[in-house]
Protein backbone atom coordinates (compact mmCIF):
# COMPACT_ATOMS: atom_id res chain seq x y z
CA MET A 1 6.53 26.17 -9.12
CA PRO A 2 3.69 24.48 -7.18
CA ASP A 3 3.13 22.20 -10.19
CA LYS A 4 6.55 20.66 -9.63
CA VAL A 5 5.47 19.62 -6.14
CA ILE A 6 2.36 17.93 -7.54
CA PHE A 7 4.45 16.17 -10.18
CA GLN A 8 6.83 14.89 -7.51
CA LEU A 9 3.93 13.62 -5.38
CA GLN A 10 2.45 11.83 -8.40
CA ALA A 11 5.82 10.28 -9.20
CA ASP A 12 6.18 9.08 -5.59
CA VAL A 13 2.77 7.38 -5.74
CA CYS A 14 3.63 5.75 -9.07
CA LYS A 15 6.88 4.44 -7.62
CA ALA A 16 5.08 3.04 -4.61
CA LEU A 17 2.61 1.21 -6.86
CA ALA A 18 5.27 -0.02 -9.28
CA HIS A 19 5.36 -3.41 -7.57
CA ALA A 20 2.72 -5.90 -8.73
CA ARG A 21 2.17 -7.22 -5.21
CA ARG A 22 1.23 -3.74 -3.99
CA VAL A 23 -1.30 -3.37 -6.78
CA GLU A 24 -2.74 -6.74 -5.75
CA ILE A 25 -3.04 -5.53 -2.16
CA ILE A 26 -4.81 -2.34 -3.26
CA ASP A 27 -7.22 -4.44 -5.34
CA LEU A 28 -8.04 -6.63 -2.33
CA LEU A 29 -8.57 -3.62 -0.09
CA GLY A 30 -10.81 -2.04 -2.71
CA GLU A 31 -13.23 -4.92 -2.17
CA SER A 32 -13.30 -4.78 1.64
CA GLU A 33 -11.33 -3.75 4.69
CA LEU A 34 -8.95 -6.53 5.67
CA GLY A 35 -6.65 -7.13 8.57
CA PHE A 36 -2.95 -7.87 8.25
CA GLY A 37 -3.40 -11.63 8.62
CA GLU A 38 -6.20 -11.73 6.05
CA ILE A 39 -4.10 -9.88 3.49
CA SER A 40 -1.20 -12.22 4.16
CA GLU A 41 -3.39 -15.29 3.61
CA LYS A 42 -5.04 -13.99 0.45
CA THR A 43 -1.77 -12.93 -1.17
CA ALA A 44 0.46 -15.75 0.13
CA VAL A 45 3.04 -13.12 1.05
CA THR A 46 5.29 -13.60 4.06
CA LYS A 47 4.47 -11.35 6.98
CA SER A 48 7.80 -9.54 6.78
CA SER A 49 7.37 -8.85 3.07
CA LEU A 50 3.76 -7.73 3.56
CA SER A 51 4.84 -5.42 6.34
CA GLN A 52 7.35 -3.76 4.01
CA HIS A 53 4.79 -3.37 1.21
CA LEU A 54 2.22 -1.85 3.56
CA SER A 55 4.80 0.47 5.12
CA VAL A 56 5.73 1.88 1.71
CA MET A 57 2.08 2.55 0.86
CA VAL A 58 1.33 4.10 4.26
CA GLU A 59 4.43 6.30 4.01
CA LYS A 60 3.29 7.63 0.63
CA GLY A 61 -0.27 8.24 1.85
CA ILE A 62 -1.83 5.54 -0.32
CA LEU A 63 -3.13 3.61 2.69
CA THR A 64 -3.95 4.48 6.24
CA GLN A 65 -3.71 2.11 9.14
CA ARG A 66 -5.51 1.65 12.36
CA LYS A 67 -5.06 -0.76 15.18
CA LYS A 68 -7.88 -2.79 16.66
CA ALA A 69 -8.76 -1.74 20.15
């Protein structure tokens, strides 16, 4: 039974990364930590669209966020 939970978690991550723009964002963040504005500039994504993409990945545990002090 626990295997089914793992399979569901894996499927959720795959769904979250099924959008090419999200994979692009992950690739950028793999190179260095970037702020919201920097990601928006490098990907040419609108801020509202970027916010949605990041929210999906944070919700699924793919990314974490922190706010500058």
